[in-house]
Amino acid sequence: MLQSTSQIATIKDFLAAEGCEWSFMPPHSPHFGGLWEAAVKSMKYHLPRTLGSHDATYEELCTLLSEIEACLNSRPLCAISDDPSNPTYLSPGQFFIAEPLTPLQINDYTNV
């Protein structure tokens, strides 16, 4: 469907009427998708370091990918509170379940 120039023109006209801008990313140019390519880069960074030379089963790989995804979706986007005693932050995971996927662990070192 998207190979036909008439179909592409129809879609562009419809999207323009809706106030959207239609643009394609050129093939073999991942540098055009900076934001999502950064997420792919983070996944590629953590996956081999976690697996090492281990040949994972399908279930192990699914579990590992889910855990890495949870860690990446728990990264802080911005602080919600300026109070140092309440270190809450907004993360991508909060858009899914309204709380961080992996909670920020706060250790009490007052007695150490």
PDB file of N, CA and C in Angstrom:
ATOM      1  N   MET A   1       0.820  -1.194   0.000  1.00  0.00           N
ATOM      2  CA  MET A   1       0.000   0.000   0.000  1.00  0.00           C
ATOM      3  C   MET A   1       0.867   1.262   0.000  1.00  0.00           C
ATOM      4  N   LEU A   2       1.949   1.253   0.778  1.00  0.00           N
ATOM      5  CA  LEU A   2       2.776   2.452   0.855  1.00  0.00           C
ATOM      6  C   LEU A   2       3.784   2.551  -0.287  1.00  0.00           C
ATOM      7  N   GLN A   3       3.791   1.573  -1.194  1.00  0.00           N
ATOM      8  CA  GLN A   3       4.677   1.643  -2.350  1.00  0.00           C
ATOM      9  C   GLN A   3       4.064   2.482  -3.468  1.00  0.00           C
ATOM     10  N   SER A   4       2.755   2.658  -3.453  1.00  0.00           N
ATOM     11  CA  SER A   4       2.065   3.399  -4.497  1.00  0.00           C
ATOM     12  C   SER A   4       2.134   4.895  -4.206  1.00  0.00           C
ATOM     13  N   THR A   5       2.564   5.671  -5.197  1.00  0.00           N
ATOM     14  CA  THR A   5       2.670   7.120  -4.995  1.00  0.00           C
ATOM     15  C   THR A   5       1.305   7.763  -4.817  1.00  0.00           C
ATOM     16  N   SER A   6       0.273   7.201  -5.459  1.00  0.00           N
ATOM     17  CA  SER A   6      -1.069   7.774  -5.294  1.00  0.00           C
ATOM     18  C   SER A   6      -1.582   7.531  -3.866  1.00  0.00           C
ATOM     19  N   GLN A   7      -1.283   6.366  -3.298  1.00  0.00           N
ATOM     20  CA  GLN A   7      -1.686   6.081  -1.922  1.00  0.00           C
ATOM     21  C   GLN A   7      -0.948   7.001  -0.941  1.00  0.00           C
ATOM     22  N   ILE A   8       0.336   7.202  -1.163  1.00  0.00           N
ATOM     23  CA  ILE A   8       1.117   8.080  -0.298  1.00  0.00           C
ATOM     24  C   ILE A   8       0.576   9.501  -0.367  1.00  0.00           C
ATOM     25  N   ALA A   9       0.217   9.970  -1.585  1.00  0.00           N
ATOM     26  CA  ALA A   9      -0.344  11.312  -1.735  1.00  0.00           C
ATOM     27  C   ALA A   9      -1.677  11.426  -1.013  1.00  0.00           C
ATOM     28  N   THR A  10      -2.516  10.394  -1.094  1.00  0.00           N
ATOM     29  CA  THR A  10      -3.806  10.400  -0.394  1.00  0.00           C
ATOM     30  C   THR A  10      -3.608  10.469   1.111  1.00  0.00           C
ATOM     31  N   ILE A  11      -2.673   9.680   1.615  1.00  0.00           N
ATOM     32  CA  ILE A  11      -2.394   9.670   3.062  1.00  0.00           C
ATOM     33  C   ILE A  11      -1.830  11.018   3.500  1.00  0.00           C
ATOM     34  N   LYS A  12      -0.904  11.579   2.723  1.00  0.00           N
ATOM     35  CA  LYS A  12      -0.338  12.891   3.057  1.00  0.00           C
ATOM     36  C   LYS A  12      -1.404  13.975   3.097  1.00  0.00           C
ATOM     37  N   ASP A  13      -2.312  13.946   2.112  1.00  0.00           N
ATOM     38  CA  ASP A  13      -3.390  14.944   2.081  1.00  0.00           C
ATOM     39  C   ASP A  13      -4.300  14.809   3.299  1.00  0.00           C
ATOM     40  N   PHE A  14      -4.638  13.568   3.661  1.00  0.00           N
ATOM     41  CA  PHE A  14      -5.490  13.347   4.828  1.00  0.00           C
ATOM     42  C   PHE A  14      -4.805  13.833   6.099  1.00  0.00           C
ATOM     43  N   LEU A  15      -3.540  13.477   6.262  1.00  0.00           N
ATOM     44  CA  LEU A  15      -2.813  13.889   7.465  1.00  0.00           C
ATOM     45  C   LEU A  15      -2.608  15.394   7.519  1.00  0.00           C
ATOM     46  N   ALA A  16      -2.388  16.014   6.365  1.00  0.00           N
ATOM     47  CA  ALA A  16      -2.241  17.474   6.326  1.00  0.00           C
ATOM     48  C   ALA A  16      -3.542  18.147   6.748  1.00  0.00           C
ATOM     49  N   ALA A  17      -4.666  17.589   6.321  1.00  0.00           N
ATOM     50  CA  ALA A  17      -5.964  18.152   6.723  1.00  0.00           C
ATOM     51  C   ALA A  17      -6.195  17.994   8.219  1.00  0.00           C
ATOM     52  N   GLU A  18      -5.602  16.936   8.825  1.00  0.00           N
ATOM     53  CA  GLU A  18      -5.728  16.702  10.270  1.00  0.00           C
ATOM     54  C   GLU A  18      -4.675  17.463  11.076  1.00  0.00           C
ATOM     55  N   GLY A  19      -3.759  18.146  10.394  1.00  0.00           N
ATOM     56  CA  GLY A  19      -2.730  18.914  11.086  1.00  0.00           C
ATOM     57  C   GLY A  19      -1.474  18.116  11.396  1.00  0.00           C
ATOM     58  N   CYS A  20      -1.294  16.981  10.732  1.00  0.00           N
ATOM     59  CA  CYS A  20      -0.103  16.144  10.947  1.00  0.00           C
ATOM     60  C   CYS A  20       0.868  16.326   9.789  1.00  0.00           C
ATOM     61  N   GLU A  21       2.132  16.123  10.082  1.00  0.00           N
ATOM     62  CA  GLU A  21       3.148  16.183   9.038  1.00  0.00           C
ATOM     63  C   GLU A  21       3.673  14.775   8.809  1.00  0.00           C
ATOM     64  N   TRP A  22       3.604  14.294   7.582  1.00  0.00           N
ATOM     65  CA  TRP A  22       4.018  12.947   7.236  1.00  0.00           C
ATOM     66  C   TRP A  22       5.439  13.018   6.705  1.00  0.00           C
ATOM     67  N   SER A  23       6.365  12.297   7.331  1.00  0.00           N
ATOM     68  CA  SER A  23       7.729  12.254   6.815  1.00  0.00           C
ATOM     69  C   SER A  23       8.299  10.865   7.057  1.00  0.00           C
ATOM     70  N   PHE A  24       9.045  10.392   6.091  1.00  0.00           N
ATOM     71  CA  PHE A  24       9.672   9.082   6.187  1.00  0.00           C
ATOM     72  C   PHE A  24      11.113   9.235   6.632  1.00  0.00           C
ATOM     73  N   MET A  25      11.594   8.244   7.366  1.00  0.00           N
ATOM     74  CA  MET A  25      12.997   8.184   7.712  1.00  0.00           C
ATOM     75  C   MET A  25      13.695   7.425   6.583  1.00  0.00           C
ATOM     76  N   PRO A  26      14.750   7.971   6.005  1.00  0.00           N
ATOM     77  CA  PRO A  26      15.412   7.280   4.900  1.00  0.00           C
ATOM     78  C   PRO A  26      15.940   5.907   5.333  1.00  0.00           C
ATOM     79  N   PRO A  27      15.937   4.932   4.427  1.00  0.00           N
ATOM     80  CA  PRO A  27      16.450   3.613   4.773  1.00  0.00           C
ATOM     81  C   PRO A  27      17.930   3.671   5.150  1.00  0.00           C
ATOM     82  N   HIS A  28      18.332   2.808   6.033  1.00  0.00           N
ATOM     83  CA  HIS A  28      19.725   2.689   6.485  1.00  0.00           C
ATOM     84  C   HIS A  28      20.247   3.976   7.121  1.00  0.00           C
ATOM     85  N   SER A  29      19.385   4.687   7.809  1.00  0.00           N
ATOM     86  CA  SER A  29      19.822   5.904   8.496  1.00  0.00           C
ATOM     87  C   SER A  29      19.239   5.943   9.910  1.00  0.00           C
ATOM     88  N   PRO A  30      19.739   5.084  10.814  1.00  0.00           N
ATOM     89  CA  PRO A  30      19.179   5.049  12.164  1.00  0.00           C
ATOM     90  C   PRO A  30      19.451   6.320  12.959  1.00  0.00           C
ATOM     91  N   HIS A  31      20.410   7.139  12.509  1.00  0.00           N
ATOM     92  CA  HIS A  31      20.709   8.372  13.230  1.00  0.00           C
ATOM     93  C   HIS A  31      19.577   9.383  13.123  1.00  0.00           C
ATOM     94  N   PHE A  32      18.591   9.141  12.266  1.00  0.00           N
ATOM     95  CA  PHE A  32      17.451  10.049  12.147  1.00  0.00           C
ATOM     96  C   PHE A  32      16.452   9.858  13.291  1.00  0.00           C
ATOM     97  N   GLY A  33      16.465   8.702  13.936  1.00  0.00           N
ATOM     98  CA  GLY A  33      15.525   8.426  15.018  1.00  0.00           C
ATOM     99  C   GLY A  33      16.230   8.492  16.353  1.00  0.00           C
ATOM    100  N   GLY A  34      16.749   9.651  16.704  1.00  0.00           N
ATOM    101  CA  GLY A  34      17.608   9.808  17.870  1.00  0.00           C
ATOM    102  C   GLY A  34      17.042   9.284  19.170  1.00  0.00           C
ATOM    103  N   LEU A  35      15.789   9.612  19.485  1.00  0.00           N
ATOM    104  CA  LEU A  35      15.241   9.255  20.788  1.00  0.00           C
ATOM    105  C   LEU A  35      15.045   7.758  20.931  1.00  0.00           C
ATOM    106  N   TRP A  36      14.407   7.113  19.973  1.00  0.00           N
ATOM    107  CA  TRP A  36      14.192   5.676  20.118  1.00  0.00           C
ATOM    108  C   TRP A  36      15.462   4.892  19.844  1.00  0.00           C
ATOM    109  N   GLU A  37      16.373   5.432  19.049  1.00  0.00           N
ATOM    110  CA  GLU A  37      17.647   4.748  18.835  1.00  0.00           C
ATOM    111  C   GLU A  37      18.500   4.763  20.106  1.00  0.00           C
ATOM    112  N   ALA A  38      18.328   5.791  20.937  1.00  0.00           N
ATOM    113  CA  ALA A  38      19.038   5.814  22.220  1.00  0.00           C
ATOM    114  C   ALA A  38      18.540   4.689  23.117  1.00  0.00           C
ATOM    115  N   ALA A  39      17.246   4.390  23.063  1.00  0.00           N
ATOM    116  CA  ALA A  39      16.700   3.283  23.848  1.00  0.00           C
ATOM    117  C   ALA A  39      17.218   1.944  23.329  1.00  0.00           C
ATOM    118  N   VAL A  40      17.309   1.813  22.009  1.00  0.00           N
ATOM    119  CA  VAL A  40      17.859   0.586  21.426  1.00  0.00           C
ATOM    120  C   VAL A  40      19.318   0.434  21.827  1.00  0.00           C
ATOM    121  N   LYS A  41      20.062   1.530  21.825  1.00  0.00           N
ATOM    122  CA  LYS A  41      21.465   1.499  22.221  1.00  0.00           C
ATOM    123  C   LYS A  41      21.610   1.063  23.682  1.00  0.00           C
ATOM    124  N   SER A  42      20.737   1.553  24.547  1.00  0.00           N
ATOM    125  CA  SER A  42      20.788   1.152  25.959  1.00  0.00           C
ATOM    126  C   SER A  42      20.504  -0.332  26.112  1.00  0.00           C
ATOM    127  N   MET A  43      19.529  -0.846  25.362  1.00  0.00           N
ATOM    128  CA  MET A  43      19.221  -2.281  25.422  1.00  0.00           C
ATOM    129  C   MET A  43      20.404  -3.094  24.924  1.00  0.00           C
ATOM    130  N   LYS A  44      21.010  -2.654  23.817  1.00  0.00           N
ATOM    131  CA  LYS A  44      22.169  -3.361  23.270  1.00  0.00           C
ATOM    132  C   LYS A  44      23.362  -3.285  24.220  1.00  0.00           C
ATOM    133  N   TYR A  45      23.440  -2.239  25.007  1.00  0.00           N
ATOM    134  CA  TYR A  45      24.534  -2.097  25.961  1.00  0.00           C
ATOM    135  C   TYR A  45      24.374  -3.103  27.104  1.00  0.00           C
ATOM    136  N   HIS A  46      23.160  -3.207  27.658  1.00  0.00           N
ATOM    137  CA  HIS A  46      22.945  -4.044  28.836  1.00  0.00           C
ATOM    138  C   HIS A  46      22.822  -5.528  28.515  1.00  0.00           C
ATOM    139  N   LEU A  47      22.272  -5.864  27.375  1.00  0.00           N
ATOM    140  CA  LEU A  47      22.017  -7.260  27.051  1.00  0.00           C
ATOM    141  C   LEU A  47      23.282  -8.116  26.999  1.00  0.00           C
ATOM    142  N   PRO A  48      24.321  -7.768  26.238  1.00  0.00           N
ATOM    143  CA  PRO A  48      25.506  -8.632  26.212  1.00  0.00           C
ATOM    144  C   PRO A  48      26.272  -8.637  27.530  1.00  0.00           C
ATOM    145  N   ARG A  49      26.206  -7.547  28.280  1.00  0.00           N
ATOM    146  CA  ARG A  49      26.913  -7.516  29.556  1.00  0.00           C
ATOM    147  C   ARG A  49      26.225  -8.382  30.597  1.00  0.00           C
ATOM    148  N   THR A  50      24.931  -8.552  30.463  1.00  0.00           N
ATOM    149  CA  THR A  50      24.206  -9.392  31.392  1.00  0.00           C
ATOM    150  C   THR A  50      24.307 -10.860  30.999  1.00  0.00           C
ATOM    151  N   LEU A  51      24.173 -11.140  29.714  1.00  0.00           N
ATOM    152  CA  LEU A  51      24.224 -12.525  29.247  1.00  0.00           C
ATOM    153  C   LEU A  51      25.636 -13.084  29.242  1.00  0.00           C
ATOM    154  N   GLY A  52      26.594 -12.258  28.859  1.00  0.00           N
ATOM    155  CA  GLY A  52      27.957 -12.759  28.732  1.00  0.00           C
ATOM    156  C   GLY A  52      28.025 -13.787  27.615  1.00  0.00           C
ATOM    157  N   SER A  53      28.640 -14.942  27.888  1.00  0.00           N
ATOM    158  CA  SER A  53      28.741 -16.001  26.886  1.00  0.00           C
ATOM    159  C   SER A  53      27.689 -17.086  27.103  1.00  0.00           C
ATOM    160  N   HIS A  54      26.737 -16.821  27.992  1.00  0.00           N
ATOM    161  CA  HIS A  54      25.683 -17.787  28.300  1.00  0.00           C
ATOM    162  C   HIS A  54      24.683 -17.889  27.155  1.00  0.00           C
ATOM    163  N   ASP A  55      24.351 -19.114  26.763  1.00  0.00           N
ATOM    164  CA  ASP A  55      23.301 -19.334  25.776  1.00  0.00           C
ATOM    165  C   ASP A  55      21.975 -19.439  26.518  1.00  0.00           C
ATOM    166  N   ALA A  56      21.166 -18.409  26.410  1.00  0.00           N
ATOM    167  CA  ALA A  56      19.923 -18.352  27.167  1.00  0.00           C
ATOM    168  C   ALA A  56      18.812 -19.101  26.448  1.00  0.00           C
ATOM    169  N   THR A  57      17.928 -19.690  27.247  1.00  0.00           N
ATOM    170  CA  THR A  57      16.724 -20.293  26.684  1.00  0.00           C
ATOM    171  C   THR A  57      15.751 -19.167  26.341  1.00  0.00           C
ATOM    172  N   TYR A  58      14.667 -19.523  25.684  1.00  0.00           N
ATOM    173  CA  TYR A  58      13.674 -18.531  25.308  1.00  0.00           C
ATOM    174  C   TYR A  58      13.098 -17.847  26.542  1.00  0.00           C
ATOM    175  N   GLU A  59      12.781 -18.630  27.573  1.00  0.00           N
ATOM    176  CA  GLU A  59      12.202 -18.076  28.794  1.00  0.00           C
ATOM    177  C   GLU A  59      13.189 -17.167  29.515  1.00  0.00           C
ATOM    178  N   GLU A  60      14.467 -17.582  29.563  1.00  0.00           N
ATOM    179  CA  GLU A  60      15.488 -16.748  30.199  1.00  0.00           C
ATOM    180  C   GLU A  60      15.663 -15.427  29.451  1.00  0.00           C
ATOM    181  N   LEU A  61      15.668 -15.493  28.134  1.00  0.00           N
ATOM    182  CA  LEU A  61      15.835 -14.287  27.331  1.00  0.00           C
ATOM    183  C   LEU A  61      14.637 -13.350  27.503  1.00  0.00           C
ATOM    184  N   CYS A  62      13.417 -13.908  27.518  1.00  0.00           N
ATOM    185  CA  CYS A  62      12.218 -13.076  27.730  1.00  0.00           C
ATOM    186  C   CYS A  62      12.262 -12.410  29.102  1.00  0.00           C
ATOM    187  N   THR A  63      12.677 -13.166  30.119  1.00  0.00           N
ATOM    188  CA  THR A  63      12.770 -12.601  31.469  1.00  0.00           C
ATOM    189  C   THR A  63      13.816 -11.500  31.516  1.00  0.00           C
ATOM    190  N   LEU A  64      14.973 -11.752  30.930  1.00  0.00           N
ATOM    191  CA  LEU A  64      16.047 -10.762  30.934  1.00  0.00           C
ATOM    192  C   LEU A  64      15.643  -9.497  30.188  1.00  0.00           C
ATOM    193  N   LEU A  65      15.008  -9.648  29.038  1.00  0.00           N
ATOM    194  CA  LEU A  65      14.560  -8.476  28.281  1.00  0.00           C
ATOM    195  C   LEU A  65      13.507  -7.690  29.060  1.00  0.00           C
ATOM    196  N   SER A  66      12.626  -8.386  29.765  1.00  0.00           N
ATOM    197  CA  SER A  66      11.616  -7.694  30.583  1.00  0.00           C
ATOM    198  C   SER A  66      12.261  -6.936  31.734  1.00  0.00           C
ATOM    199  N   GLU A  67      13.275  -7.525  32.356  1.00  0.00           N
ATOM    200  CA  GLU A  67      13.955  -6.847  33.462  1.00  0.00           C
ATOM    201  C   GLU A  67      14.732  -5.626  32.972  1.00  0.00           C
ATOM    202  N   ILE A  68      15.404  -5.746  31.842  1.00  0.00           N
ATOM    203  CA  ILE A  68      16.125  -4.600  31.286  1.00  0.00           C
ATOM    204  C   ILE A  68      15.136  -3.514  30.878  1.00  0.00           C
ATOM    205  N   GLU A  69      14.009  -3.930  30.289  1.00  0.00           N
ATOM    206  CA  GLU A  69      12.978  -2.966  29.915  1.00  0.00           C
ATOM    207  C   GLU A  69      12.448  -2.226  31.142  1.00  0.00           C
ATOM    208  N   ALA A  70      12.229  -2.952  32.233  1.00  0.00           N
ATOM    209  CA  ALA A  70      11.748  -2.317  33.466  1.00  0.00           C
ATOM    210  C   ALA A  70      12.770  -1.319  33.995  1.00  0.00           C
ATOM    211  N   CYS A  71      14.047  -1.675  33.938  1.00  0.00           N
ATOM    212  CA  CYS A  71      15.093  -0.747  34.400  1.00  0.00           C
ATOM    213  C   CYS A  71      15.144   0.499  33.520  1.00  0.00           C
ATOM    214  N   LEU A  72      15.069   0.316  32.208  1.00  0.00           N
ATOM    215  CA  LEU A  72      15.127   1.461  31.306  1.00  0.00           C
ATOM    216  C   LEU A  72      13.892   2.342  31.441  1.00  0.00           C
ATOM    217  N   ASN A  73      12.730   1.735  31.701  1.00  0.00           N
ATOM    218  CA  ASN A  73      11.501   2.517  31.860  1.00  0.00           C
ATOM    219  C   ASN A  73      11.372   3.105  33.255  1.00  0.00           C
ATOM    220  N   SER A  74      12.309   2.798  34.146  1.00  0.00           N
ATOM    221  CA  SER A  74      12.290   3.380  35.489  1.00  0.00           C
ATOM    222  C   SER A  74      13.289   4.520  35.637  1.00  0.00           C
ATOM    223  N   ARG A  75      14.005   4.834  34.573  1.00  0.00           N
ATOM    224  CA  ARG A  75      14.959   5.940  34.641  1.00  0.00           C
ATOM    225  C   ARG A  75      14.225   7.256  34.842  1.00  0.00           C
ATOM    226  N   PRO A  76      14.768   8.129  35.676  1.00  0.00           N
ATOM    227  CA  PRO A  76      14.092   9.416  35.912  1.00  0.00           C
ATOM    228  C   PRO A  76      14.104  10.304  34.674  1.00  0.00           C
ATOM    229  N   LEU A  77      12.947  10.886  34.381  1.00  0.00           N
ATOM    230  CA  LEU A  77      12.855  11.899  33.327  1.00  0.00           C
ATOM    231  C   LEU A  77      13.062  13.284  33.921  1.00  0.00           C
ATOM    232  N   CYS A  78      12.424  13.522  35.069  1.00  0.00           N
ATOM    233  CA  CYS A  78      12.574  14.788  35.771  1.00  0.00           C
ATOM    234  C   CYS A  78      12.103  14.606  37.211  1.00  0.00           C
ATOM    235  N   ALA A  79      12.529  15.505  38.067  1.00  0.00           N
ATOM    236  CA  ALA A  79      12.123  15.449  39.475  1.00  0.00           C
ATOM    237  C   ALA A  79      10.710  15.988  39.617  1.00  0.00           C
ATOM    238  N   ILE A  80       9.939  15.352  40.489  1.00  0.00           N
ATOM    239  CA  ILE A  80       8.585  15.832  40.771  1.00  0.00           C
ATOM    240  C   ILE A  80       8.618  16.787  41.949  1.00  0.00           C
ATOM    241  N   SER A  81       9.485  16.493  42.917  1.00  0.00           N
ATOM    242  CA  SER A  81       9.549  17.294  44.133  1.00  0.00           C
ATOM    243  C   SER A  81      10.948  17.894  44.278  1.00  0.00           C
ATOM    244  N   ASP A  82      11.026  19.110  44.799  1.00  0.00           N
ATOM    245  CA  ASP A  82      12.320  19.737  45.080  1.00  0.00           C
ATOM    246  C   ASP A  82      12.793  19.444  46.491  1.00  0.00           C
ATOM    247  N   ASP A  83      11.982  18.755  47.261  1.00  0.00           N
ATOM    248  CA  ASP A  83      12.305  18.435  48.648  1.00  0.00           C
ATOM    249  C   ASP A  83      13.308  17.278  48.689  1.00  0.00           C
ATOM    250  N   PRO A  84      14.512  17.458  49.276  1.00  0.00           N
ATOM    251  CA  PRO A  84      15.507  16.386  49.315  1.00  0.00           C
ATOM    252  C   PRO A  84      15.056  15.173  50.135  1.00  0.00           C
ATOM    253  N   SER A  85      14.134  15.353  51.074  1.00  0.00           N
ATOM    254  CA  SER A  85      13.678  14.217  51.876  1.00  0.00           C
ATOM    255  C   SER A  85      12.602  13.413  51.136  1.00  0.00           C
ATOM    256  N   ASN A  86      12.118  13.917  50.003  1.00  0.00           N
ATOM    257  CA  ASN A  86      11.115  13.219  49.205  1.00  0.00           C
ATOM    258  C   ASN A  86      11.614  13.120  47.757  1.00  0.00           C
ATOM    259  N   PRO A  87      12.512  12.162  47.471  1.00  0.00           N
ATOM    260  CA  PRO A  87      13.123  12.102  46.135  1.00  0.00           C
ATOM    261  C   PRO A  87      12.224  11.403  45.109  1.00  0.00           C
ATOM    262  N   THR A  88      11.078  11.965  44.823  1.00  0.00           N
ATOM    263  CA  THR A  88      10.209  11.379  43.810  1.00  0.00           C
ATOM    264  C   THR A  88      10.559  11.933  42.445  1.00  0.00           C
ATOM    265  N   TYR A  89      10.331  11.122  41.434  1.00  0.00           N
ATOM    266  CA  TYR A  89      10.674  11.515  40.072  1.00  0.00           C
ATOM    267  C   TYR A  89       9.651  10.942  39.100  1.00  0.00           C
ATOM    268  N   LEU A  90       9.617  11.511  37.920  1.00  0.00           N
ATOM    269  CA  LEU A  90       8.744  11.042  36.859  1.00  0.00           C
ATOM    270  C   LEU A  90       9.558  10.144  35.938  1.00  0.00           C
ATOM    271  N   SER A  91       9.032   8.953  35.649  1.00  0.00           N
ATOM    272  CA  SER A  91       9.727   8.011  34.779  1.00  0.00           C
ATOM    273  C   SER A  91       8.772   7.535  33.688  1.00  0.00           C
ATOM    274  N   PRO A  92       9.298   6.971  32.599  1.00  0.00           N
ATOM    275  CA  PRO A  92       8.410   6.461  31.546  1.00  0.00           C
ATOM    276  C   PRO A  92       7.463   5.379  32.050  1.00  0.00           C
ATOM    277  N   GLY A  93       7.893   4.582  33.002  1.00  0.00           N
ATOM    278  CA  GLY A  93       7.047   3.528  33.542  1.00  0.00           C
ATOM    279  C   GLY A  93       5.813   4.052  34.248  1.00  0.00           C
ATOM    280  N   GLN A  94       5.892   5.285  34.756  1.00  0.00           N
ATOM    281  CA  GLN A  94       4.741   5.861  35.435  1.00  0.00           C
ATOM    282  C   GLN A  94       3.600   6.151  34.473  1.00  0.00           C
ATOM    283  N   PHE A  95       3.888   6.278  33.198  1.00  0.00           N
ATOM    284  CA  PHE A  95       2.825   6.459  32.224  1.00  0.00           C
ATOM    285  C   PHE A  95       2.052   5.158  32.023  1.00  0.00           C
ATOM    286  N   PHE A  96       2.680   4.007  32.358  1.00  0.00           N
ATOM    287  CA  PHE A  96       2.028   2.714  32.217  1.00  0.00           C
ATOM    288  C   PHE A  96       1.219   2.347  33.454  1.00  0.00           C
ATOM    289  N   ILE A  97       1.862   2.440  34.634  1.00  0.00           N
ATOM    290  CA  ILE A  97       1.217   1.943  35.854  1.00  0.00           C
ATOM    291  C   ILE A  97       1.160   2.979  36.969  1.00  0.00           C
ATOM    292  N   ALA A  98       1.485   4.216  36.689  1.00  0.00           N
ATOM    293  CA  ALA A  98       1.408   5.334  37.640  1.00  0.00           C
ATOM    294  C   ALA A  98       2.395   5.232  38.793  1.00  0.00           C
ATOM    295  N   GLU A  99       3.432   4.428  38.653  1.00  0.00           N
ATOM    296  CA  GLU A  99       4.532   4.372  39.619  1.00  0.00           C
ATOM    297  C   GLU A  99       5.747   3.784  38.923  1.00  0.00           C
ATOM    298  N   PRO A 100       6.942   3.992  39.460  1.00  0.00           N
ATOM    299  CA  PRO A 100       8.129   3.433  38.811  1.00  0.00           C
ATOM    300  C   PRO A 100       8.052   1.905  38.758  1.00  0.00           C
ATOM    301  N   LEU A 101       8.535   1.326  37.676  1.00  0.00           N
ATOM    302  CA  LEU A 101       8.506  -0.132  37.543  1.00  0.00           C
ATOM    303  C   LEU A 101       9.455  -0.797  38.524  1.00  0.00           C
ATOM    304  N   THR A 102      10.593  -0.199  38.744  1.00  0.00           N
ATOM    305  CA  THR A 102      11.515  -0.667  39.780  1.00  0.00           C
ATOM    306  C   THR A 102      11.681   0.490  40.754  1.00  0.00           C
ATOM    307  N   PRO A 103      11.188   0.351  41.971  1.00  0.00           N
ATOM    308  CA  PRO A 103      11.200   1.487  42.893  1.00  0.00           C
ATOM    309  C   PRO A 103      12.617   1.916  43.263  1.00  0.00           C
ATOM    310  N   LEU A 104      12.756   3.203  43.501  1.00  0.00           N
ATOM    311  CA  LEU A 104      14.018   3.762  43.947  1.00  0.00           C
ATOM    312  C   LEU A 104      14.300   3.259  45.349  1.00  0.00           C
ATOM    313  N   GLN A 105      15.417   2.561  45.522  1.00  0.00           N
ATOM    314  CA  GLN A 105      15.727   1.995  46.815  1.00  0.00           C
ATOM    315  C   GLN A 105      16.456   3.041  47.661  1.00  0.00           C
ATOM    316  N   ILE A 106      15.897   3.328  48.824  1.00  0.00           N
ATOM    317  CA  ILE A 106      16.485   4.307  49.723  1.00  0.00           C
ATOM    318  C   ILE A 106      16.953   3.571  50.974  1.00  0.00           C
ATOM    319  N   ASN A 107      18.254   3.594  51.188  1.00  0.00           N
ATOM    320  CA  ASN A 107      18.828   2.928  52.359  1.00  0.00           C
ATOM    321  C   ASN A 107      18.983   3.944  53.490  1.00  0.00           C
ATOM    322  N   ASP A 108      18.732   3.504  54.696  1.00  0.00           N
ATOM    323  CA  ASP A 108      18.865   4.360  55.873  1.00  0.00           C
ATOM    324  C   ASP A 108      20.245   4.121  56.464  1.00  0.00           C
ATOM    325  N   TYR A 109      21.114   5.126  56.342  1.00  0.00           N
ATOM    326  CA  TYR A 109      22.480   5.024  56.855  1.00  0.00           C
ATOM    327  C   TYR A 109      22.687   5.867  58.105  1.00  0.00           C
ATOM    328  N   THR A 110      21.625   6.225  58.785  1.00  0.00           N
ATOM    329  CA  THR A 110      21.767   7.085  59.966  1.00  0.00           C
ATOM    330  C   THR A 110      22.471   6.370  61.109  1.00  0.00           C
ATOM    331  N   ASN A 111      22.365   5.059  61.226  1.00  0.00           N
ATOM    332  CA  ASN A 111      22.994   4.305  62.314  1.00  0.00           C
ATOM    333  C   ASN A 111      24.329   3.688  61.926  1.00  0.00           C
ATOM    334  N   VAL A 112      24.841   4.008  60.757  1.00  0.00           N
ATOM    335  CA  VAL A 112      26.099   3.406  60.309  1.00  0.00           C
ATOM    336  C   VAL A 112      27.251   4.264  60.774  1.00  0.00           C
TER     337      VAL A 112
END
